Amino acid sequence: MKFILSKSIIIATAFFLFILSQLPAVFLNFLNSNGDTYGIAYKNTPPFIILTLVVVTICIFIGIKCGFYKNYRKSFEWKNILLIFSLLIITFFIQKFVVQFITNHNLYNVSHQITNQMKVENILSSLLFPGQFVAVSILAPILEESIYRACFYKLFGYNCWTFFLSCFFFSYVHSGFSWDILGYLPLSIALTYVYHRRQVLTDSILLHALFNTLLFVL
């Protein structure tokens, strides 16, 4: 009974975090639908940043209560920082190669068009740079790593099946069933590996944040 209750709590936590992660996007869509085109980014950005930081604060608080951040200091060891930066560079170039391969061989599915990513980019286009940065480099890494790494491992246990499930679901949510999923697999594998090796959530959050920031800046 205790086992079932603990697993149910993790499932409920994952669903709640997922719903929480959608609030800034829903709120921004609401602002966009009720505002005029002129100067809309200046109107949307401040309230979006405030809501996003509130959502992130709640997520971290829940994560602390669930024990997601108990070993966070380990993330700032110099050997770990070196590993994360190495994975960042390797993953970046592998993903670029895979995306180029998909494009060159006409495997890109127009009907999917990396659906989630397209929606995200459309939403972010109505924000100023600070709002876009907060969404890409802070909100997404913390919420997604809490769901697809910490919750998955607490639910399914520390094993190879959990590794594969985490990789697959993270990629699937961003691309759907299409060849586009291959474009997300390099990052998904790197993030899951970083978490899998010692279950320190801030490791995968740091790698995710740096990767998103690199893509965003470039």
C-alpha atoms as a PDB file:
ATOM      1  CA  MET A   1       0.000   0.000   0.000  1.00  0.00           C
ATOM      2  CA  LYS A   2       2.808   2.380   0.882  1.00  0.00           C
ATOM      3  CA  PHE A   3       4.518   1.567  -2.445  1.00  0.00           C
ATOM      4  CA  ILE A   4       1.345   2.352  -4.429  1.00  0.00           C
ATOM      5  CA  LEU A   5       0.833   5.588  -2.515  1.00  0.00           C
ATOM      6  CA  SER A   6       4.412   6.771  -3.158  1.00  0.00           C
ATOM      7  CA  LYS A   7       4.125   6.021  -6.891  1.00  0.00           C
ATOM      8  CA  SER A   8       0.748   7.766  -7.062  1.00  0.00           C
ATOM      9  CA  ILE A   9       2.251  10.864  -5.466  1.00  0.00           C
ATOM     10  CA  ILE A  10       5.038  10.937  -8.066  1.00  0.00           C
ATOM     11  CA  ILE A  11       2.528  10.572 -10.926  1.00  0.00           C
ATOM     12  CA  ALA A  12       0.405  13.373  -9.468  1.00  0.00           C
ATOM     13  CA  THR A  13       3.522  15.530  -9.055  1.00  0.00           C
ATOM     14  CA  ALA A  14       4.554  14.956 -12.674  1.00  0.00           C
ATOM     15  CA  PHE A  15       1.084  15.891 -13.980  1.00  0.00           C
ATOM     16  CA  PHE A  16       0.953  18.964 -11.763  1.00  0.00           C
ATOM     17  CA  LEU A  17       4.389  20.125 -12.937  1.00  0.00           C
ATOM     18  CA  PHE A  18       3.352  19.566 -16.555  1.00  0.00           C
ATOM     19  CA  ILE A  19       0.214  21.673 -16.087  1.00  0.00           C
ATOM     20  CA  LEU A  20       2.299  24.263 -14.245  1.00  0.00           C
ATOM     21  CA  SER A  21       4.744  24.407 -17.151  1.00  0.00           C
ATOM     22  CA  GLN A  22       1.914  25.301 -19.543  1.00  0.00           C
ATOM     23  CA  LEU A  23       0.626  28.265 -17.527  1.00  0.00           C
ATOM     24  CA  PRO A  24       3.072  30.883 -18.912  1.00  0.00           C
ATOM     25  CA  ALA A  25       2.262  29.811 -22.499  1.00  0.00           C
ATOM     26  CA  VAL A  26      -1.505  29.869 -21.872  1.00  0.00           C
ATOM     27  CA  PHE A  27      -1.202  33.256 -20.189  1.00  0.00           C
ATOM     28  CA  LEU A  28       0.865  34.643 -23.069  1.00  0.00           C
ATOM     29  CA  ASN A  29      -1.675  33.379 -25.625  1.00  0.00           C
ATOM     30  CA  PHE A  30      -4.360  35.160 -23.618  1.00  0.00           C
ATOM     31  CA  LEU A  31      -2.364  38.397 -23.662  1.00  0.00           C
ATOM     32  CA  ASN A  32      -1.726  38.074 -27.389  1.00  0.00           C
ATOM     33  CA  SER A  33      -5.403  37.512 -28.159  1.00  0.00           C
ATOM     34  CA  ASN A  34      -6.410  40.606 -26.210  1.00  0.00           C
ATOM     35  CA  GLY A  35      -3.719  43.049 -27.285  1.00  0.00           C
ATOM     36  CA  ASP A  36      -3.008  45.125 -30.377  1.00  0.00           C
ATOM     37  CA  THR A  37      -0.016  44.359 -32.583  1.00  0.00           C
ATOM     38  CA  TYR A  38       1.791  47.646 -31.958  1.00  0.00           C
ATOM     39  CA  GLY A  39       4.064  47.416 -28.925  1.00  0.00           C
ATOM     40  CA  ILE A  40       2.651  44.056 -27.875  1.00  0.00           C
ATOM     41  CA  ALA A  41       6.068  42.709 -26.841  1.00  0.00           C
ATOM     42  CA  TYR A  42       6.495  45.582 -24.365  1.00  0.00           C
ATOM     43  CA  LYS A  43       3.095  44.802 -22.849  1.00  0.00           C
ATOM     44  CA  ASN A  44       3.559  41.030 -22.668  1.00  0.00           C
ATOM     45  CA  THR A  45       7.124  40.673 -21.428  1.00  0.00           C
ATOM     46  CA  PRO A  46       6.945  42.002 -17.814  1.00  0.00           C
ATOM     47  CA  PRO A  47       3.846  40.004 -16.733  1.00  0.00           C
ATOM     48  CA  PHE A  48       5.159  36.904 -18.525  1.00  0.00           C
ATOM     49  CA  ILE A  49       8.502  37.091 -16.684  1.00  0.00           C
ATOM     50  CA  ILE A  50       6.764  37.552 -13.334  1.00  0.00           C
ATOM     51  CA  LEU A  51       4.449  34.574 -13.909  1.00  0.00           C
ATOM     52  CA  THR A  52       7.334  32.440 -15.169  1.00  0.00           C
ATOM     53  CA  LEU A  53       9.465  33.158 -12.096  1.00  0.00           C
ATOM     54  CA  VAL A  54       6.511  32.311  -9.833  1.00  0.00           C
ATOM     55  CA  VAL A  55       6.025  29.008 -11.697  1.00  0.00           C
ATOM     56  CA  VAL A  56       9.744  28.197 -11.440  1.00  0.00           C
ATOM     57  CA  THR A  57       9.743  29.022  -7.709  1.00  0.00           C
ATOM     58  CA  ILE A  58       6.807  26.663  -7.117  1.00  0.00           C
ATOM     59  CA  CYS A  59       8.503  23.958  -9.179  1.00  0.00           C
ATOM     60  CA  ILE A  60      11.749  24.228  -7.205  1.00  0.00           C
ATOM     61  CA  PHE A  61       9.831  24.204  -3.907  1.00  0.00           C
ATOM     62  CA  ILE A  62       8.029  21.004  -4.954  1.00  0.00           C
ATOM     63  CA  GLY A  63      11.334  19.547  -6.125  1.00  0.00           C
ATOM     64  CA  ILE A  64      12.960  20.247  -2.776  1.00  0.00           C
ATOM     65  CA  LYS A  65      10.060  18.566  -0.970  1.00  0.00           C
ATOM     66  CA  CYS A  66      10.423  15.533  -3.273  1.00  0.00           C
ATOM     67  CA  GLY A  67      14.177  15.363  -2.716  1.00  0.00           C
ATOM     68  CA  PHE A  68      15.159  16.352  -6.273  1.00  0.00           C
ATOM     69  CA  TYR A  69      17.802  18.863  -5.132  1.00  0.00           C
ATOM     70  CA  LYS A  70      19.441  17.125  -2.188  1.00  0.00           C
ATOM     71  CA  ASN A  71      22.852  16.805  -3.907  1.00  0.00           C
ATOM     72  CA  TYR A  72      22.838  20.066  -5.868  1.00  0.00           C
ATOM     73  CA  ARG A  73      26.290  21.129  -4.614  1.00  0.00           C
ATOM     74  CA  LYS A  74      27.875  18.274  -6.585  1.00  0.00           C
ATOM     75  CA  SER A  75      26.916  20.015  -9.834  1.00  0.00           C
ATOM     76  CA  PHE A  76      29.498  22.743  -9.222  1.00  0.00           C
ATOM     77  CA  GLU A  77      32.511  20.469  -8.902  1.00  0.00           C
ATOM     78  CA  TRP A  78      35.053  21.430 -11.562  1.00  0.00           C
ATOM     79  CA  LYS A  79      35.197  17.917 -13.062  1.00  0.00           C
ATOM     80  CA  ASN A  80      31.435  17.930 -13.456  1.00  0.00           C
ATOM     81  CA  ILE A  81      31.451  21.379 -15.056  1.00  0.00           C
ATOM     82  CA  LEU A  82      34.090  20.153 -17.514  1.00  0.00           C
ATOM     83  CA  LEU A  83      31.981  17.093 -18.373  1.00  0.00           C
ATOM     84  CA  ILE A  84      28.862  19.187 -18.909  1.00  0.00           C
ATOM     85  CA  PHE A  85      30.653  21.622 -21.217  1.00  0.00           C
ATOM     86  CA  SER A  86      32.148  18.706 -23.174  1.00  0.00           C
ATOM     87  CA  LEU A  87      28.703  17.119 -23.575  1.00  0.00           C
ATOM     88  CA  LEU A  88      27.296  20.503 -24.548  1.00  0.00           C
ATOM     89  CA  ILE A  89      29.692  20.883 -27.481  1.00  0.00           C
ATOM     90  CA  ILE A  90      29.410  17.258 -28.610  1.00  0.00           C
ATOM     91  CA  THR A  91      25.607  17.234 -28.383  1.00  0.00           C
ATOM     92  CA  PHE A  92      25.314  20.543 -30.204  1.00  0.00           C
ATOM     93  CA  PHE A  93      27.276  19.348 -33.236  1.00  0.00           C
ATOM     94  CA  ILE A  94      25.611  15.911 -33.313  1.00  0.00           C
ATOM     95  CA  GLN A  95      22.176  17.513 -33.267  1.00  0.00           C
ATOM     96  CA  LYS A  96      23.143  19.907 -36.046  1.00  0.00           C
ATOM     97  CA  PHE A  97      24.391  16.964 -38.117  1.00  0.00           C
ATOM     98  CA  VAL A  98      21.193  14.945 -37.524  1.00  0.00           C
ATOM     99  CA  VAL A  99      18.910  17.878 -38.368  1.00  0.00           C
ATOM    100  CA  GLN A 100      20.927  18.555 -41.526  1.00  0.00           C
ATOM    101  CA  PHE A 101      20.691  14.864 -42.476  1.00  0.00           C
ATOM    102  CA  ILE A 102      16.900  14.915 -42.046  1.00  0.00           C
ATOM    103  CA  THR A 103      16.653  18.053 -44.169  1.00  0.00           C
ATOM    104  CA  ASN A 104      18.983  16.820 -46.928  1.00  0.00           C
ATOM    105  CA  HIS A 105      17.122  13.512 -47.271  1.00  0.00           C
ATOM    106  CA  ASN A 106      13.654  15.093 -47.242  1.00  0.00           C
ATOM    107  CA  LEU A 107      12.676  13.210 -44.095  1.00  0.00           C
ATOM    108  CA  TYR A 108      11.250  16.353 -42.577  1.00  0.00           C
ATOM    109  CA  ASN A 109       7.522  15.793 -42.018  1.00  0.00           C
ATOM    110  CA  VAL A 110       5.650  18.950 -42.961  1.00  0.00           C
ATOM    111  CA  SER A 111       2.496  17.744 -41.212  1.00  0.00           C
ATOM    112  CA  HIS A 112       4.351  17.608 -37.885  1.00  0.00           C
ATOM    113  CA  GLN A 113       6.920  20.395 -38.377  1.00  0.00           C
ATOM    114  CA  ILE A 114       8.286  19.781 -34.892  1.00  0.00           C
ATOM    115  CA  THR A 115       4.813  20.785 -33.670  1.00  0.00           C
ATOM    116  CA  ASN A 116       5.640  21.690 -30.108  1.00  0.00           C
ATOM    117  CA  GLN A 117       8.738  23.637 -31.112  1.00  0.00           C
ATOM    118  CA  MET A 118       6.815  25.618 -33.730  1.00  0.00           C
ATOM    119  CA  LYS A 119       4.175  26.558 -31.157  1.00  0.00           C
ATOM    120  CA  VAL A 120       6.846  27.593 -28.682  1.00  0.00           C
ATOM    121  CA  GLU A 121       8.607  29.786 -31.244  1.00  0.00           C
ATOM    122  CA  ASN A 122       5.321  31.445 -32.243  1.00  0.00           C
ATOM    123  CA  ILE A 123       4.553  32.193 -28.606  1.00  0.00           C
ATOM    124  CA  LEU A 124       8.036  33.523 -27.838  1.00  0.00           C
ATOM    125  CA  SER A 125       7.988  35.788 -30.896  1.00  0.00           C
ATOM    126  CA  SER A 126       5.671  38.182 -29.025  1.00  0.00           C
ATOM    127  CA  LEU A 127       8.207  38.683 -26.221  1.00  0.00           C
ATOM    128  CA  LEU A 128      11.228  40.908 -25.849  1.00  0.00           C
ATOM    129  CA  PHE A 129      14.670  39.311 -25.431  1.00  0.00           C
ATOM    130  CA  PRO A 130      14.537  39.122 -21.585  1.00  0.00           C
ATOM    131  CA  GLY A 131      11.231  37.261 -21.701  1.00  0.00           C
ATOM    132  CA  GLN A 132      12.472  34.840 -24.340  1.00  0.00           C
ATOM    133  CA  PHE A 133      15.648  34.188 -22.340  1.00  0.00           C
ATOM    134  CA  VAL A 134      13.732  33.464 -19.121  1.00  0.00           C
ATOM    135  CA  ALA A 135      11.440  31.034 -20.955  1.00  0.00           C
ATOM    136  CA  VAL A 136      14.179  29.179 -22.844  1.00  0.00           C
ATOM    137  CA  SER A 137      17.043  29.201 -20.354  1.00  0.00           C
ATOM    138  CA  ILE A 138      15.228  29.051 -17.002  1.00  0.00           C
ATOM    139  CA  LEU A 139      11.624  27.851 -17.295  1.00  0.00           C
ATOM    140  CA  ALA A 140      12.069  25.010 -19.793  1.00  0.00           C
ATOM    141  CA  PRO A 141      15.176  23.388 -18.237  1.00  0.00           C
ATOM    142  CA  ILE A 142      13.874  23.391 -14.658  1.00  0.00           C
ATOM    143  CA  LEU A 143      10.332  22.208 -15.445  1.00  0.00           C
ATOM    144  CA  GLU A 144      11.278  19.653 -18.106  1.00  0.00           C
ATOM    145  CA  GLU A 145      14.121  18.116 -16.130  1.00  0.00           C
ATOM    146  CA  SER A 146      11.905  17.843 -13.067  1.00  0.00           C
ATOM    147  CA  ILE A 147       9.309  15.957 -15.127  1.00  0.00           C
ATOM    148  CA  TYR A 148      11.321  13.878 -17.601  1.00  0.00           C
ATOM    149  CA  ARG A 149      14.287  13.036 -15.404  1.00  0.00           C
ATOM    150  CA  ALA A 150      13.510  13.289 -11.664  1.00  0.00           C
ATOM    151  CA  CYS A 151       9.877  12.130 -11.787  1.00  0.00           C
ATOM    152  CA  PHE A 152      10.583   9.381 -14.321  1.00  0.00           C
ATOM    153  CA  TYR A 153      13.392   7.901 -12.250  1.00  0.00           C
ATOM    154  CA  LYS A 154      11.413   8.098  -9.027  1.00  0.00           C
ATOM    155  CA  LEU A 155       8.491   6.402 -10.760  1.00  0.00           C
ATOM    156  CA  PHE A 156      10.250   3.635 -12.695  1.00  0.00           C
ATOM    157  CA  GLY A 157      13.437   3.205 -10.702  1.00  0.00           C
ATOM    158  CA  TYR A 158      17.133   3.419 -11.465  1.00  0.00           C
ATOM    159  CA  ASN A 159      17.516   1.096 -14.485  1.00  0.00           C
ATOM    160  CA  CYS A 160      18.091   0.962 -18.234  1.00  0.00           C
ATOM    161  CA  TRP A 161      14.365   0.937 -19.034  1.00  0.00           C
ATOM    162  CA  THR A 162      13.940   4.248 -17.242  1.00  0.00           C
ATOM    163  CA  PHE A 163      16.852   5.649 -19.239  1.00  0.00           C
ATOM    164  CA  PHE A 164      15.184   4.721 -22.542  1.00  0.00           C
ATOM    165  CA  LEU A 165      11.727   5.888 -21.437  1.00  0.00           C
ATOM    166  CA  SER A 166      13.084   9.244 -20.338  1.00  0.00           C
ATOM    167  CA  CYS A 167      14.927   9.719 -23.636  1.00  0.00           C
ATOM    168  CA  PHE A 168      11.911   8.712 -25.706  1.00  0.00           C
ATOM    169  CA  PHE A 169       9.228  10.752 -23.954  1.00  0.00           C
ATOM    170  CA  PHE A 170      11.319  13.917 -23.861  1.00  0.00           C
ATOM    171  CA  SER A 171      11.947  13.629 -27.619  1.00  0.00           C
ATOM    172  CA  TYR A 172       8.361  12.601 -28.414  1.00  0.00           C
ATOM    173  CA  VAL A 173       6.788  15.524 -26.554  1.00  0.00           C
ATOM    174  CA  HIS A 174       8.910  17.911 -28.634  1.00  0.00           C
ATOM    175  CA  SER A 175       8.366  16.261 -32.023  1.00  0.00           C
ATOM    176  CA  GLY A 176       5.548  13.699 -32.083  1.00  0.00           C
ATOM    177  CA  PHE A 177       5.807  10.544 -34.184  1.00  0.00           C
ATOM    178  CA  SER A 178       7.972  11.732 -37.055  1.00  0.00           C
ATOM    179  CA  TRP A 179      11.585  11.748 -38.230  1.00  0.00           C
ATOM    180  CA  ASP A 180      11.947  14.999 -36.320  1.00  0.00           C
ATOM    181  CA  ILE A 181      12.267  12.941 -33.148  1.00  0.00           C
ATOM    182  CA  LEU A 182      15.819  12.089 -34.248  1.00  0.00           C
ATOM    183  CA  GLY A 183      16.724  15.752 -33.966  1.00  0.00           C
ATOM    184  CA  TYR A 184      15.896  15.752 -30.277  1.00  0.00           C
ATOM    185  CA  LEU A 185      17.441  12.398 -29.369  1.00  0.00           C
ATOM    186  CA  PRO A 186      21.069  13.629 -29.027  1.00  0.00           C
ATOM    187  CA  LEU A 187      20.092  16.209 -26.418  1.00  0.00           C
ATOM    188  CA  SER A 188      17.675  13.822 -24.719  1.00  0.00           C
ATOM    189  CA  ILE A 189      20.341  11.110 -24.433  1.00  0.00           C
ATOM    190  CA  ALA A 190      22.905  13.572 -23.085  1.00  0.00           C
ATOM    191  CA  LEU A 191      20.495  14.972 -20.490  1.00  0.00           C
ATOM    192  CA  THR A 192      19.372  11.526 -19.368  1.00  0.00           C
ATOM    193  CA  TYR A 193      22.960  10.277 -19.171  1.00  0.00           C
ATOM    194  CA  VAL A 194      23.997  13.233 -17.019  1.00  0.00           C
ATOM    195  CA  TYR A 195      21.142  12.544 -14.627  1.00  0.00           C
ATOM    196  CA  HIS A 196      21.410   8.730 -14.773  1.00  0.00           C
ATOM    197  CA  ARG A 197      25.068   8.621 -13.741  1.00  0.00           C
ATOM    198  CA  ARG A 198      24.449   9.936 -10.204  1.00  0.00           C
ATOM    199  CA  GLN A 199      20.860  11.263 -10.056  1.00  0.00           C
ATOM    200  CA  VAL A 200      21.715  14.909  -9.445  1.00  0.00           C
ATOM    201  CA  LEU A 201      18.943  16.940 -11.069  1.00  0.00           C
ATOM    202  CA  THR A 202      20.923  20.179 -11.194  1.00  0.00           C
ATOM    203  CA  ASP A 203      23.410  18.424 -13.521  1.00  0.00           C
ATOM    204  CA  SER A 204      20.804  17.901 -16.226  1.00  0.00           C
ATOM    205  CA  ILE A 205      19.219  21.308 -15.563  1.00  0.00           C
ATOM    206  CA  LEU A 206      22.598  22.991 -16.062  1.00  0.00           C
ATOM    207  CA  LEU A 207      23.299  21.126 -19.314  1.00  0.00           C
ATOM    208  CA  HIS A 208      19.771  21.801 -20.577  1.00  0.00           C
ATOM    209  CA  ALA A 209      19.994  25.505 -19.718  1.00  0.00           C
ATOM    210  CA  LEU A 210      23.382  25.906 -21.405  1.00  0.00           C
ATOM    211  CA  PHE A 211      22.225  24.045 -24.528  1.00  0.00           C
ATOM    212  CA  ASN A 212      19.048  26.125 -24.864  1.00  0.00           C
ATOM    213  CA  THR A 213      20.994  29.322 -24.270  1.00  0.00           C
ATOM    214  CA  LEU A 214      23.557  28.379 -26.925  1.00  0.00           C
ATOM    215  CA  LEU A 215      20.846  27.702 -29.501  1.00  0.00           C
ATOM    216  CA  PHE A 216      18.983  30.853 -28.490  1.00  0.00           C
ATOM    217  CA  VAL A 217      22.028  33.107 -28.821  1.00  0.00           C
ATOM    218  CA  LEU A 218      23.156  31.567 -32.114  1.00  0.00           C
END
